């Protein structure tokens, strides 16, 4: 598993957000994208996730000899971001069952309970998300991202709204992921730089 970024640029109107970014990651490696608000961190992750098209350059996921554009690599990617919307009128179990069905994955109740326990939501599977705190909702985003055991995990501001115990959950998830896959973290929290085998620093605008 490899992620190859070649001369990638993003622009908003006439303004360059960033330009000529090139980097390569292999399974077992973690990259931290650091910088102030507005420096392009979230935009870069959206490009990696295939949610936005680069204005220049190329991003490729390689699995063996097979190459994937980010827009065709949803089966490879787990995505966590503050703006990731879940269904607040559904329970955690119903949310996960729905998103698994979208991915054509069958999750039985035992698998759902295990996944929720992994992110610190044991015993809350049948509560509607409308009753969740912001920190619990953030943990739920991790459960969503891990449904399909993706080889690539993209985390935008991974510990936002989380307390110390929630941050420990994220730490466990990141350490488990890097044993077999790729992790890319966008953050302006200096404490999270420790995860990076590589740190990509974006300048402020």
Protein backbone atom coordinates (compact mmCIF):
# COMPACT_ATOMS: atom_id res chain seq x y z
CA UNK A 1 0.00 0.00 0.00
CA UNK A 2 1.41 3.38 -1.04
CA UNK A 3 0.13 6.94 -1.27
CA UNK A 4 1.89 9.09 -3.86
CA UNK A 5 1.34 12.85 -4.05
CA UNK A 6 3.01 14.57 -7.01
CA UNK A 7 3.22 18.36 -7.42
CA UNK A 8 -0.27 18.90 -6.04
CA UNK A 9 -1.70 22.41 -5.82
CA UNK A 10 -4.96 23.95 -4.63
CA UNK A 11 -6.28 27.42 -5.40
CA UNK A 12 -9.27 29.50 -4.37
CA UNK A 13 -9.85 31.99 -7.14
CA UNK A 14 -6.54 33.70 -7.85
CA UNK A 15 -5.07 32.73 -4.48
CA UNK A 16 -2.77 29.75 -4.09
CA UNK A 17 -3.61 27.79 -0.96
CA UNK A 18 -0.57 25.58 -1.48
CA UNK A 19 1.47 24.53 -4.48
CA UNK A 20 3.84 21.80 -5.65
CA UNK A 21 3.29 19.45 -2.70
CA UNK A 22 5.01 16.10 -3.25
CA UNK A 23 5.21 13.28 -0.74
CA UNK A 24 5.06 9.48 -0.59
CA UNK A 25 3.85 7.23 2.22
CA UNK A 26 3.89 3.47 2.62
CA UNK A 27 1.90 1.17 4.87
CA UNK A 28 3.06 1.56 8.47
CA UNK A 29 3.78 5.27 8.12
CA UNK A 30 2.00 8.32 9.51
CA UNK A 31 2.13 11.87 8.18
CA UNK A 32 1.06 14.92 10.16
CA UNK A 33 -0.01 18.00 8.20
CA UNK A 34 0.51 21.00 10.46
CA UNK A 35 -0.24 24.69 10.16
CA UNK A 36 -2.41 27.54 11.32
CA UNK A 37 -6.10 27.89 10.51
CA UNK A 38 -6.52 28.74 6.84
CA UNK A 39 -3.19 27.24 5.79
CA UNK A 40 -4.79 24.49 3.68
CA UNK A 41 -4.58 21.45 5.96
CA UNK A 42 -8.22 20.46 5.62
CA UNK A 43 -8.18 21.17 1.89
CA UNK A 44 -5.20 18.84 1.48
CA UNK A 45 -7.01 16.03 3.32
CA UNK A 46 -10.11 16.57 1.21
CA UNK A 47 -7.95 16.11 -1.89
CA UNK A 48 -6.57 12.86 -0.45
CA UNK A 49 -10.11 11.72 0.32
CA UNK A 50 -11.35 12.45 -3.19
CA UNK A 51 -13.85 15.01 -1.91
CA UNK A 52 -12.21 17.84 -3.84
CA UNK A 53 -10.24 17.95 -7.07
CA UNK A 54 -6.66 19.25 -7.10
CA UNK A 55 -5.98 22.25 -9.35
CA UNK A 56 -2.68 20.73 -10.40
CA UNK A 57 -0.69 17.57 -9.83
CA UNK A 58 -1.71 14.01 -9.14
CA UNK A 59 -2.63 11.83 -6.15
CA UNK A 60 -2.44 8.05 -6.49
CA UNK A 61 -3.17 5.14 -4.16
CA UNK A 62 -1.25 2.01 -5.10
CA UNK A 63 -2.32 -1.41 -3.89
CA UNK A 64 0.23 -3.79 -5.30
CA UNK A 65 0.32 -2.87 -8.97
CA UNK A 66 -3.21 -1.46 -9.05
CA UNK A 67 -3.55 2.35 -9.04
CA UNK A 68 -6.56 4.31 -7.78
CA UNK A 69 -7.50 7.96 -8.11
CA UNK A 70 -8.79 9.30 -4.76
CA UNK A 71 -12.29 9.67 -6.24
CA UNK A 72 -12.31 5.90 -6.88
CA UNK A 73 -10.62 4.92 -3.63
CA UNK A 74 -13.48 5.18 -1.15
CA UNK A 75 -13.09 1.50 -0.30
CA UNK A 76 -9.52 2.22 0.82
CA UNK A 77 -10.18 5.31 2.93
CA UNK A 78 -11.57 5.96 6.39
CA UNK A 79 -12.46 9.62 6.92
CA UNK A 80 -12.88 11.57 10.17
CA UNK A 81 -13.58 15.32 10.10
CA UNK A 82 -15.54 17.80 12.23
CA UNK A 83 -18.03 18.39 9.40
CA UNK A 84 -18.75 14.70 8.84
CA UNK A 85 -22.51 14.46 9.26
CA UNK A 86 -24.24 11.49 10.88
CA UNK A 87 -27.95 10.85 11.32
CA UNK A 88 -28.94 12.35 14.66
CA UNK A 89 -32.44 10.85 14.59
CA UNK A 90 -31.00 7.33 14.35
CA UNK A 91 -29.28 5.32 17.03
CA UNK A 92 -25.58 4.51 16.84
CA UNK A 93 -26.47 0.96 15.83
CA UNK A 94 -28.83 2.17 13.09
CA UNK A 95 -26.23 4.62 11.78
CA UNK A 96 -23.55 1.95 11.51
CA UNK A 97 -25.92 -0.58 9.98
CA UNK A 98 -26.98 1.99 7.36
CA UNK A 99 -23.44 3.06 6.44
CA UNK A 100 -22.31 -0.56 6.30
CA UNK A 101 -25.16 -1.32 3.88
CA UNK A 102 -24.07 1.61 1.70
CA UNK A 103 -20.66 -0.06 1.51
CA UNK A 104 -22.32 -3.44 0.91
CA UNK A 105 -20.96 -4.77 4.20
CA UNK A 106 -23.02 -6.82 6.62
CA UNK A 107 -22.48 -5.92 10.28
CA UNK A 108 -24.23 -8.07 12.86
CA UNK A 109 -25.03 -6.76 16.33
CA UNK A 110 -21.91 -8.33 17.81
CA UNK A 111 -19.65 -6.58 15.27
CA UNK A 112 -21.42 -3.27 15.86
CA UNK A 113 -21.05 -3.60 19.64
CA UNK A 114 -17.35 -4.44 19.25
CA UNK A 115 -16.81 -1.42 17.00
CA UNK A 116 -18.58 0.93 19.41
CA UNK A 117 -16.63 -0.48 22.35
CA UNK A 118 -13.42 0.18 20.44
CA UNK A 119 -14.23 3.90 20.31
CA UNK A 120 -15.44 4.12 23.88
CA UNK A 121 -19.19 3.96 23.25
CA UNK A 122 -19.96 0.59 24.84
CA UNK A 123 -23.50 0.49 26.17
CA UNK A 124 -24.67 3.46 24.06
CA UNK A 125 -25.46 1.60 20.83
CA UNK A 126 -29.21 2.03 21.10
CA UNK A 127 -29.19 5.72 22.04
CA UNK A 128 -30.12 8.22 19.34
CA UNK A 129 -27.25 10.46 18.31
CA UNK A 130 -29.41 13.46 19.20
CA UNK A 131 -28.70 12.52 22.84
CA UNK A 132 -24.93 12.33 22.29
CA UNK A 133 -22.52 15.01 23.48
CA UNK A 134 -20.13 16.58 20.97
CA UNK A 135 -17.35 14.31 22.22
CA UNK A 136 -19.48 11.20 21.84
CA UNK A 137 -20.43 12.28 18.33
CA UNK A 138 -16.74 12.63 17.49
CA UNK A 139 -16.12 9.09 18.76
CA UNK A 140 -18.99 7.95 16.56
CA UNK A 141 -17.21 9.43 13.55
CA UNK A 142 -14.34 7.06 14.27
CA UNK A 143 -16.72 4.10 14.37
CA UNK A 144 -18.05 5.23 10.99
CA UNK A 145 -14.53 5.51 9.55
CA UNK A 146 -13.51 2.04 10.75
CA UNK A 147 -16.55 0.10 9.47
CA UNK A 148 -14.66 -1.33 6.48
CA UNK A 149 -11.22 -1.67 8.13
CA UNK A 150 -9.65 0.77 5.66
CA UNK A 151 -5.92 0.65 4.88
CA UNK A 152 -5.85 4.48 4.84
CA UNK A 153 -7.13 6.64 7.69
CA UNK A 154 -7.48 10.40 7.12
CA UNK A 155 -8.04 12.42 10.31
CA UNK A 156 -8.87 16.13 10.23
CA UNK A 157 -8.43 17.66 13.71
CA UNK A 158 -8.66 14.19 15.25
CA UNK A 159 -9.19 15.13 18.91
CA UNK A 160 -11.50 18.14 18.47
CA UNK A 161 -14.22 18.21 21.20
CA UNK A 162 -12.66 15.18 22.93
CA UNK A 163 -11.74 14.97 26.60
CA UNK A 164 -8.67 13.10 27.88
CA UNK A 165 -10.35 9.71 27.68
CA UNK A 166 -11.52 10.45 24.15
CA UNK A 167 -7.99 11.45 23.15
CA UNK A 168 -6.78 8.11 24.51
CA UNK A 169 -9.25 6.35 22.23
CA UNK A 170 -7.82 8.24 19.25
CA UNK A 171 -4.29 7.35 20.34
CA UNK A 172 -5.24 3.66 20.41
CA UNK A 173 -6.89 3.86 16.98
CA UNK A 174 -3.87 5.57 15.42
CA UNK A 175 -1.40 3.09 16.91
CA UNK A 176 -3.48 0.15 15.69
CA UNK A 177 -3.84 1.64 12.19
CA UNK A 178 -0.16 2.29 11.71
CA UNK A 179 0.63 -1.38 12.29
CA UNK A 180 -0.83 -2.23 8.89
CA UNK A 181 -1.87 0.95 7.07
CA UNK A 182 -1.35 4.63 6.39
CA UNK A 183 -2.47 7.49 8.63
CA UNK A 184 -2.61 11.18 7.62
CA UNK A 185 -3.47 13.69 10.33
CA UNK A 186 -4.26 17.38 9.83
CA UNK A 187 -3.86 19.35 13.04
CA UNK A 188 -2.78 22.62 14.61
CA UNK A 189 -2.29 20.91 17.98
CA UNK A 190 1.46 20.63 18.63
CA UNK A 191 0.89 17.59 20.86
CA UNK A 192 -0.19 15.59 17.83
CA UNK A 193 3.08 16.15 15.96
CA UNK A 194 4.46 13.15 17.84
CA UNK A 195 2.50 10.81 15.59
CA UNK A 196 4.30 11.89 12.46
CA UNK A 197 7.00 9.84 10.78
CA UNK A 198 6.80 12.80 8.43
CA UNK A 199 5.55 16.32 9.24
CA UNK A 200 4.33 18.52 6.40
CA UNK A 201 4.19 22.15 7.49
CA UNK A 202 1.78 24.48 5.69
CA UNK A 203 2.21 28.22 5.95
CA UNK A 204 -0.53 30.61 7.02
CA UNK A 205 -2.36 32.73 4.48
